[in-house]
Amino acid sequence: MDYKDYYKVLGVSRDATADDIKKEYRKLAKKFHPDKNPGNVQAEKKFKEVNEAYEALSDPEKRKKYDQFGENYKQYQGGAGAGGSADDFFRQYRQGGGGGAQYQGDYGDMFGGAGGGGGGGFSDFFQNLFGGAAGGSRQYGGGARSRATQGQDYNAQYELTLEDAYTGVDTVVNVGNEKLKLKLRPGIRDAQKLRIKGKGGPGAGGGPDGDLYLEVSVKPHPIFERKEDDLYRDMPISVPTAALGGKVTVPLLEGSISMNIAAGTNNGKVLRLKGKGMPIYGKEGAGDLYLTVRLQLPENLTQVELDLFEQLRKLRD
């Protein structure tokens, strides 16, 4: 049986961190996943090797055992175990006769204890070293899948402006070491949570990839206030326009619109513009825009204007 260099299989150094190992595993598992390579025997074999390597190196105890014991297994292939069985070599190594650092664990534990056995889709090397104890979560082999396990779900947050929430936006979200292109539809709300299927951690044993849950945060706007799909804002109007009526231009989140102000419009009156609020997410139509009239007194009045106001006051009195 051949020695398995699990670090080489994943393409990482022996001092790689747990995050480095996980990163390379995810990349390779996605690349060689059987669902993405139907009928490809070589990809299936590589997928099995990658899962076995990750099973050994992702578990701190297994990795420690592998680092302490695994390299010296070459001595069995190179002659230290010549004429004997693999079991003889493992026993010899445990007793310190392998020429390397003595294995300090329990010999029975190395083979899974009483009952040992059964590594499913894992190699003889893995089974001899760990007793085939892989928890049944990442095995894939022999033309049949073991217990399928869905990949881990990821959570991420994305902040956008009210203008972007109004128009919708194409954006890129960094999840781990992967950049995902997303299209956020018009009308998305603050604290709304989106599920992006299959963009979480890779599945094991042929199981589906996990999902990405993206929570959206909409920044407060300096002018508009949003309540569900409706928008609210103050609308400054000059005193003459409020008194005599006329047209005013109303700025929107996108563009502007002209509207008529009735003569005698009082300060604080609320005007409604139907369908000029936020788009309704995932549906046709939009909310309404509510304008609160705020009379805007003129500044830096000329003498002529002051005289006219004085005349108006005398007339009103």
Protein backbone atom coordinates (compact mmCIF):
# COMPACT_ATOMS: atom_id res chain seq x y z
CA MET A 1 0.00 0.00 0.00
CA ASP A 2 1.35 3.43 -0.93
CA TYR A 3 2.16 6.28 1.38
CA LYS A 4 -0.24 9.21 0.91
CA ASP A 5 1.22 12.70 0.95
CA TYR A 6 -1.93 14.57 1.92
CA TYR A 7 -0.21 17.95 1.87
CA LYS A 8 0.80 17.36 -1.74
CA VAL A 9 -2.72 16.25 -2.66
CA LEU A 10 -4.13 19.58 -1.44
CA GLY A 11 -1.18 21.57 -2.74
CA VAL A 12 -0.25 23.10 0.63
CA SER A 13 2.93 23.19 2.68
CA ARG A 14 3.34 21.19 5.87
CA ASP A 15 3.11 24.36 7.95
CA ALA A 16 -0.13 25.44 6.26
CA THR A 17 -2.77 26.90 8.55
CA ALA A 18 -6.21 25.38 8.97
CA ASP A 19 -7.63 28.22 6.85
CA ASP A 20 -5.11 27.52 4.07
CA ILE A 21 -6.08 23.85 4.08
CA LYS A 22 -9.79 24.65 4.02
CA LYS A 23 -9.34 27.16 1.20
CA GLU A 24 -7.51 24.69 -1.06
CA TYR A 25 -9.94 21.90 -0.20
CA ARG A 26 -12.94 24.00 -1.19
CA LYS A 27 -11.31 24.95 -4.47
CA LEU A 28 -10.37 21.38 -5.39
CA ALA A 29 -13.61 19.84 -4.14
CA LYS A 30 -15.60 22.17 -6.38
CA LYS A 31 -13.32 21.49 -9.33
CA PHE A 32 -13.51 17.69 -9.12
CA HIS A 33 -17.00 17.28 -7.68
CA PRO A 34 -18.73 14.29 -9.36
CA ASP A 35 -21.84 16.32 -10.06
CA LYS A 36 -19.75 18.69 -12.16
CA ASN A 37 -17.81 15.88 -13.84
CA PRO A 38 -20.39 13.18 -14.65
CA GLY A 39 -18.79 10.00 -15.96
CA ASN A 40 -15.25 11.32 -15.45
CA VAL A 41 -13.44 8.52 -13.62
CA GLN A 42 -10.25 10.53 -13.13
CA ALA A 43 -12.14 13.47 -11.61
CA GLU A 44 -13.98 11.06 -9.29
CA LYS A 45 -10.67 9.54 -8.21
CA LYS A 46 -9.19 12.98 -7.59
CA PHE A 47 -12.29 14.04 -5.65
CA LYS A 48 -11.90 10.99 -3.44
CA GLU A 49 -8.21 11.77 -2.81
CA VAL A 50 -8.97 15.40 -1.97
CA ASN A 51 -11.68 14.41 0.52
CA GLU A 52 -9.41 11.85 2.15
CA ALA A 53 -6.61 14.40 2.46
CA TYR A 54 -8.94 16.98 3.96
CA GLU A 55 -10.35 14.39 6.36
CA ALA A 56 -6.83 13.75 7.63
CA LEU A 57 -5.59 17.34 7.81
CA SER A 58 -8.71 19.25 8.89
CA ASP A 59 -8.98 17.32 12.15
CA PRO A 60 -6.25 18.54 14.56
CA GLU A 61 -5.85 15.12 16.18
CA LYS A 62 -5.63 13.27 12.87
CA ARG A 63 -3.18 15.81 11.52
CA LYS A 64 -0.98 15.50 14.58
CA LYS A 65 -1.00 11.72 14.26
CA TYR A 66 -0.30 11.93 10.54
CA ASP A 67 2.58 14.39 11.02
CA GLN A 68 4.08 12.22 13.78
CA PHE A 69 3.62 8.87 12.14
CA GLY A 70 2.81 9.23 8.47
CA GLU A 71 6.20 10.04 6.97
CA ASN A 72 7.82 7.04 8.66
CA TYR A 73 5.43 4.75 6.83
CA LYS A 74 7.84 5.12 3.89
CA GLN A 75 10.24 2.92 5.82
CA TYR A 76 7.86 0.04 5.36
CA GLN A 77 7.94 0.57 1.62
CA GLY A 78 11.70 1.13 1.64
CA GLY A 79 12.60 -2.08 3.37
CA ALA A 80 12.14 -1.60 7.07
CA GLY A 81 9.05 -3.71 6.77
CA ALA A 82 10.35 -6.00 4.04
CA GLY A 83 9.26 -9.55 4.50
CA GLY A 84 6.57 -8.54 6.93
CA SER A 85 3.12 -7.13 6.78
CA ALA A 86 1.96 -3.58 7.17
CA ASP A 87 0.70 -4.59 10.58
CA ASP A 88 4.24 -5.70 11.50
CA PHE A 89 5.60 -2.34 10.47
CA PHE A 90 3.02 -0.37 12.45
CA ARG A 91 3.76 -2.51 15.50
CA GLN A 92 7.50 -2.08 14.99
CA TYR A 93 7.12 1.67 14.70
CA ARG A 94 5.05 1.86 17.86
CA GLN A 95 7.85 0.10 19.70
CA GLY A 96 10.35 2.65 18.43
CA GLY A 97 11.98 0.34 15.93
CA GLY A 98 11.08 2.32 12.84
CA GLY A 99 13.97 4.68 13.25
CA GLY A 100 11.73 7.72 13.72
CA ALA A 101 9.98 9.39 16.59
CA GLN A 102 8.09 6.81 18.57
CA TYR A 103 4.32 6.91 18.27
CA GLN A 104 2.91 7.67 21.71
CA GLY A 105 -0.76 6.89 21.15
CA ASP A 106 -2.70 3.74 21.73
CA TYR A 107 -2.02 1.10 19.07
CA GLY A 108 -5.57 -0.09 19.12
CA ASP A 109 -6.78 3.48 18.67
CA MET A 110 -4.70 3.75 15.48
CA PHE A 111 -6.82 1.02 13.97
CA GLY A 112 -10.12 2.33 15.31
CA GLY A 113 -9.99 0.22 18.48
CA ALA A 114 -11.99 -2.95 18.80
CA GLY A 115 -13.96 -3.39 15.65
CA GLY A 116 -11.48 -1.08 13.83
CA GLY A 117 -12.06 -1.41 10.21
CA GLY A 118 -14.29 -0.27 7.46
CA GLY A 119 -12.86 2.87 5.92
CA GLY A 120 -15.53 2.96 3.25
CA GLY A 121 -14.07 4.85 0.29
CA PHE A 122 -10.73 5.65 1.96
CA SER A 123 -7.37 4.13 1.11
CA ASP A 124 -5.64 1.29 2.95
CA PHE A 125 -3.06 3.80 4.17
CA PHE A 126 -5.76 5.96 5.74
CA GLN A 127 -7.47 2.96 7.31
CA ASN A 128 -4.23 1.61 8.77
CA LEU A 129 -3.29 4.98 10.19
CA PHE A 130 -6.69 6.11 11.45
CA GLY A 131 -8.74 2.93 11.49
CA GLY A 132 -10.92 4.29 8.69
CA ALA A 133 -12.62 6.57 11.20
CA ALA A 134 -13.83 9.33 8.97
CA GLY A 135 -17.27 9.86 10.36
CA GLY A 136 -18.79 8.94 7.02
CA SER A 137 -18.95 12.60 6.07
CA ARG A 138 -16.50 12.99 3.18
CA GLN A 139 -16.22 9.56 1.65
CA TYR A 140 -16.93 8.98 -1.97
CA GLY A 141 -15.85 5.94 -3.88
CA GLY A 142 -16.55 2.50 -5.18
CA GLY A 143 -19.18 3.90 -7.52
CA ALA A 144 -21.50 4.64 -4.59
CA ARG A 145 -21.81 7.63 -2.31
CA SER A 146 -21.66 7.50 1.45
CA ARG A 147 -23.93 9.54 3.66
CA ALA A 148 -24.25 12.85 1.83
CA THR A 149 -23.63 16.00 3.86
CA GLN A 150 -24.63 19.47 2.75
CA GLY A 151 -21.92 22.11 2.83
CA GLN A 152 -21.81 24.83 5.44
CA ASP A 153 -24.08 27.85 4.97
CA TYR A 154 -22.33 31.21 4.78
CA ASN A 155 -23.58 34.60 6.00
CA ALA A 156 -22.58 37.95 4.56
CA GLN A 157 -23.74 41.56 4.71
CA TYR A 158 -24.00 44.20 2.00
CA GLU A 159 -24.71 47.91 2.46
CA LEU A 160 -26.23 50.07 -0.27
CA THR A 161 -27.76 53.52 -0.70
CA LEU A 162 -31.45 54.25 -0.98
CA GLU A 163 -30.84 55.26 -4.60
CA ASP A 164 -29.36 51.82 -5.34
CA ALA A 165 -32.28 50.16 -3.56
CA TYR A 166 -34.62 52.20 -5.78
CA THR A 167 -33.00 51.37 -9.11
CA GLY A 168 -31.52 47.96 -8.28
CA VAL A 169 -27.81 47.33 -8.62
CA ASP A 170 -25.31 44.83 -10.01
CA THR A 171 -22.58 44.27 -7.46
CA VAL A 172 -19.74 41.98 -6.43
CA VAL A 173 -19.68 40.41 -2.96
CA ASN A 174 -16.53 38.85 -1.52
CA VAL A 175 -17.28 35.59 0.27
CA GLY A 176 -14.18 33.94 1.62
CA ASN A 177 -11.78 33.98 -1.31
CA GLU A 178 -14.48 34.02 -3.96
CA LYS A 179 -16.05 36.99 -5.70
CA LEU A 180 -19.74 36.58 -6.47
CA LYS A 181 -21.57 38.74 -8.99
CA LEU A 182 -25.06 39.52 -7.72
CA LYS A 183 -28.01 41.43 -9.14
CA LEU A 184 -30.11 43.13 -6.46
CA ARG A 185 -33.57 43.91 -7.80
CA PRO A 186 -35.29 47.31 -7.37
CA GLY A 187 -37.19 47.81 -4.14
CA ILE A 188 -34.99 45.70 -1.88
CA ARG A 189 -35.56 46.60 1.78
CA ASP A 190 -33.33 47.26 4.73
CA ALA A 191 -32.56 44.07 6.72
CA GLN A 192 -33.94 41.92 3.90
CA LYS A 193 -32.17 38.55 3.72
CA LEU A 194 -31.46 36.89 0.40
CA ARG A 195 -30.61 33.23 -0.12
CA ILE A 196 -28.13 32.44 -2.90
CA LYS A 197 -28.35 28.70 -3.39
CA GLY A 198 -25.17 26.66 -3.67
CA LYS A 199 -22.77 29.51 -2.85
CA GLY A 200 -21.82 28.29 0.62
CA GLY A 201 -19.27 25.65 1.60
CA PRO A 202 -18.75 22.58 -0.60
CA GLY A 203 -20.84 19.51 0.13
CA ALA A 204 -19.24 16.24 1.22
CA GLY A 205 -19.91 12.69 0.18
CA GLY A 206 -21.72 13.94 -2.90
CA GLY A 207 -23.96 16.21 -0.83
CA PRO A 208 -25.07 19.63 -2.14
CA ASP A 209 -23.07 22.79 -1.52
CA GLY A 210 -24.27 25.05 1.25
CA ASP A 211 -26.09 28.34 0.64
CA LEU A 212 -25.11 31.96 1.07
CA TYR A 213 -27.42 34.18 3.13
CA LEU A 214 -26.89 37.84 2.29
CA GLU A 215 -28.39 40.45 4.61
CA VAL A 216 -28.92 43.84 3.00
CA SER A 217 -28.49 47.11 4.88
CA VAL A 218 -29.87 50.32 3.32
CA LYS A 219 -28.20 53.53 4.48
CA PRO A 220 -30.42 56.32 5.88
CA HIS A 221 -31.10 59.07 3.34
CA PRO A 222 -30.63 62.78 4.20
CA ILE A 223 -33.90 63.83 2.48
CA PHE A 224 -36.18 60.84 1.94
CA GLU A 225 -37.62 58.64 4.67
CA ARG A 226 -38.81 55.17 3.70
CA LYS A 227 -41.70 53.32 5.28
CA GLU A 228 -42.12 49.95 3.58
CA ASP A 229 -42.69 50.91 -0.08
CA ASP A 230 -43.71 54.54 0.52
CA LEU A 231 -41.39 57.54 0.62
CA TYR A 232 -41.74 60.74 2.67
CA ARG A 233 -40.01 64.10 2.39
CA ASP A 234 -40.47 67.79 3.11
CA MET A 235 -41.29 70.02 0.13
CA PRO A 236 -40.17 73.66 0.41
CA ILE A 237 -42.62 76.03 -1.36
CA SER A 238 -42.35 79.80 -1.62
CA VAL A 239 -45.00 81.92 0.06
CA PRO A 240 -46.25 83.44 -3.21
CA THR A 241 -46.61 80.01 -4.82
CA ALA A 242 -48.46 78.66 -1.79
CA ALA A 243 -50.78 81.71 -1.85
CA LEU A 244 -51.36 81.99 -5.58
CA GLY A 245 -50.74 78.43 -6.74
CA GLY A 246 -48.41 77.34 -9.51
CA LYS A 247 -46.08 74.65 -10.74
CA VAL A 248 -43.13 73.31 -8.76
CA THR A 249 -40.45 70.75 -9.59
CA VAL A 250 -40.26 67.78 -7.21
CA PRO A 251 -36.89 65.97 -7.04
CA LEU A 252 -37.21 62.16 -6.92
CA LEU A 253 -34.66 59.48 -6.12
CA GLU A 254 -34.25 59.20 -9.87
CA GLY A 255 -35.05 62.27 -11.94
CA SER A 256 -37.78 64.79 -11.08
CA ILE A 257 -41.41 65.54 -11.80
CA SER A 258 -43.49 68.71 -12.20
CA MET A 259 -46.64 69.13 -10.14
CA ASN A 260 -49.33 71.77 -9.58
CA ILE A 261 -49.72 73.52 -6.24
CA ALA A 262 -53.23 74.71 -5.53
CA ALA A 263 -53.74 78.32 -4.47
CA GLY A 264 -54.00 78.75 -0.74
CA THR A 265 -51.90 75.69 0.16
CA ASN A 266 -51.07 75.84 3.87
CA ASN A 267 -47.83 75.00 5.60
CA GLY A 268 -47.77 71.38 6.81
CA LYS A 269 -50.24 70.09 4.23
CA VAL A 270 -49.38 66.59 2.95
CA LEU A 271 -49.53 66.01 -0.78
CA ARG A 272 -49.55 62.52 -2.28
CA LEU A 273 -47.91 61.48 -5.54
CA LYS A 274 -49.26 58.03 -6.39
CA GLY A 275 -46.77 55.45 -7.64
CA LYS A 276 -43.73 57.67 -7.04
CA GLY A 277 -42.44 55.78 -4.03
CA MET A 278 -40.19 52.70 -3.94
CA PRO A 279 -40.64 49.88 -6.46
CA ILE A 280 -42.34 46.85 -4.90
CA TYR A 281 -39.65 44.17 -4.67
CA GLY A 282 -40.25 41.32 -7.08
CA LYS A 283 -43.60 42.72 -8.24
CA GLU A 284 -45.09 45.29 -10.57
CA GLY A 285 -45.94 48.74 -9.29
CA ALA A 286 -44.55 51.07 -6.66
CA GLY A 287 -45.45 52.75 -3.41
CA ASP A 288 -46.43 56.43 -3.07
CA LEU A 289 -44.48 59.60 -2.37
CA TYR A 290 -45.83 61.88 0.40
CA LEU A 291 -44.75 65.53 0.40
CA THR A 292 -45.15 67.73 3.47
CA VAL A 293 -45.41 71.39 2.48
CA ARG A 294 -42.89 73.68 4.21
CA LEU A 295 -43.42 77.35 3.45
CA GLN A 296 -40.12 78.95 2.58
CA LEU A 297 -39.87 82.59 3.66
CA PRO A 298 -37.82 84.78 1.33
CA GLU A 299 -34.45 86.08 2.52
CA ASN A 300 -32.66 89.37 1.84
CA LEU A 301 -35.88 91.20 0.87
CA THR A 302 -35.50 94.35 -1.20
CA GLN A 303 -37.20 97.57 -0.20
CA VAL A 304 -39.79 97.05 -2.92
CA GLU A 305 -40.62 93.59 -1.55
CA LEU A 306 -40.81 94.91 1.98
CA ASP A 307 -43.22 97.61 0.84
CA LEU A 308 -45.40 95.00 -0.89
CA PHE A 309 -45.51 92.87 2.26
CA GLU A 310 -46.42 95.94 4.25
CA GLN A 311 -49.27 96.66 1.85
CA LEU A 312 -50.45 93.06 2.17
CA ARG A 313 -50.41 93.30 5.95
CA LYS A 314 -52.50 96.45 5.89
CA LEU A 315 -54.97 94.84 3.52
CA ARG A 316 -55.24 91.70 5.67
CA ASP A 317 -55.61 93.70 8.87
